[in-house]
Amino acid sequence: MAFREKYMRHEAAFDEIFDLTDEWNFSDDMRTLREFLGLTEEEEDVWISESDEALEALLEKERDTQAGR
């Protein structure tokens, strides 16, 4: 299960993304980092063009929307 799915289910803290990024960096995985983490193109763009905090806020907003909050 990819990071994004685990995060949306409250099964992973946001900081896990950094360990997974390191894991991907030292692996032979042929997927892009976005694919490896399960992020959408929009999420990847926010992460790259803005910040870690902006990505976390975007994911939290979506997670809250899915939860009906």
Protein backbone atom coordinates (compact mmCIF):
# COMPACT_ATOMS: atom_id res chain seq x y z
CA MET A 1 0.00 0.00 0.00
CA ALA A 2 1.41 3.37 -1.02
CA PHE A 3 2.04 6.24 1.38
CA ARG A 4 -0.91 8.32 0.15
CA GLU A 5 -3.42 5.56 0.76
CA LYS A 6 -2.00 4.85 4.22
CA TYR A 7 -2.03 8.56 5.07
CA MET A 8 -5.67 8.94 3.97
CA ARG A 9 -6.62 6.01 6.21
CA HIS A 10 -4.78 7.58 9.19
CA GLU A 11 -2.34 4.65 9.11
CA ALA A 12 0.76 6.79 8.49
CA ALA A 13 2.05 10.09 9.80
CA PHE A 14 3.06 12.67 7.22
CA ASP A 15 6.73 12.42 8.26
CA GLU A 16 6.82 8.87 6.89
CA ILE A 17 7.04 10.45 3.43
CA PHE A 18 10.66 11.42 4.13
CA ASP A 19 11.74 7.88 5.04
CA LEU A 20 9.97 6.53 1.97
CA THR A 21 11.65 9.13 -0.23
CA ASP A 22 15.03 7.99 1.11
CA GLU A 23 14.04 4.36 0.51
CA TRP A 24 13.08 5.19 -3.09
CA ASN A 25 16.33 7.13 -3.64
CA PHE A 26 18.41 4.08 -2.74
CA SER A 27 16.28 1.53 -4.57
CA ASP A 28 16.16 0.23 -8.11
CA ASP A 29 12.42 0.93 -8.31
CA MET A 30 11.58 2.02 -11.85
CA ARG A 31 8.51 4.00 -10.81
CA THR A 32 8.68 7.75 -10.37
CA LEU A 33 8.68 9.02 -6.80
CA ARG A 34 5.11 10.22 -7.35
CA GLU A 35 4.04 6.73 -8.39
CA PHE A 36 6.00 5.12 -5.55
CA LEU A 37 4.24 7.34 -2.99
CA GLY A 38 0.87 7.13 -4.71
CA LEU A 39 0.57 10.91 -5.06
CA THR A 40 -1.56 12.61 -7.69
CA GLU A 41 -0.02 14.97 -10.24
CA GLU A 42 -1.53 17.94 -8.37
CA GLU A 43 -0.02 16.78 -5.08
CA GLU A 44 3.37 16.29 -6.69
CA ASP A 45 3.20 19.77 -8.20
CA VAL A 46 2.33 21.36 -4.84
CA TRP A 47 5.15 19.47 -3.15
CA ILE A 48 7.71 20.54 -5.76
CA SER A 49 6.57 24.11 -6.36
CA GLU A 50 5.57 25.03 -2.81
CA SER A 51 6.72 22.96 0.17
CA ASP A 52 6.37 19.88 2.34
CA GLU A 53 3.96 21.84 4.52
CA ALA A 54 1.79 22.76 1.52
CA LEU A 55 1.57 19.10 0.50
CA GLU A 56 0.65 18.08 4.02
CA ALA A 57 -2.07 20.75 4.15
CA LEU A 58 -3.47 19.60 0.79
CA LEU A 59 -3.54 15.96 1.88
CA GLU A 60 -5.15 16.86 5.21
CA LYS A 61 -7.82 18.90 3.44
CA GLU A 62 -8.64 15.97 1.15
CA ARG A 63 -8.60 13.51 4.03
CA ASP A 64 -11.02 15.71 5.99
CA THR A 65 -13.27 16.04 2.92
CA GLN A 66 -13.35 12.27 2.52
CA ALA A 67 -14.24 11.90 6.19
CA GLY A 68 -17.18 14.25 5.68
CA ARG A 69 -15.84 17.05 7.84
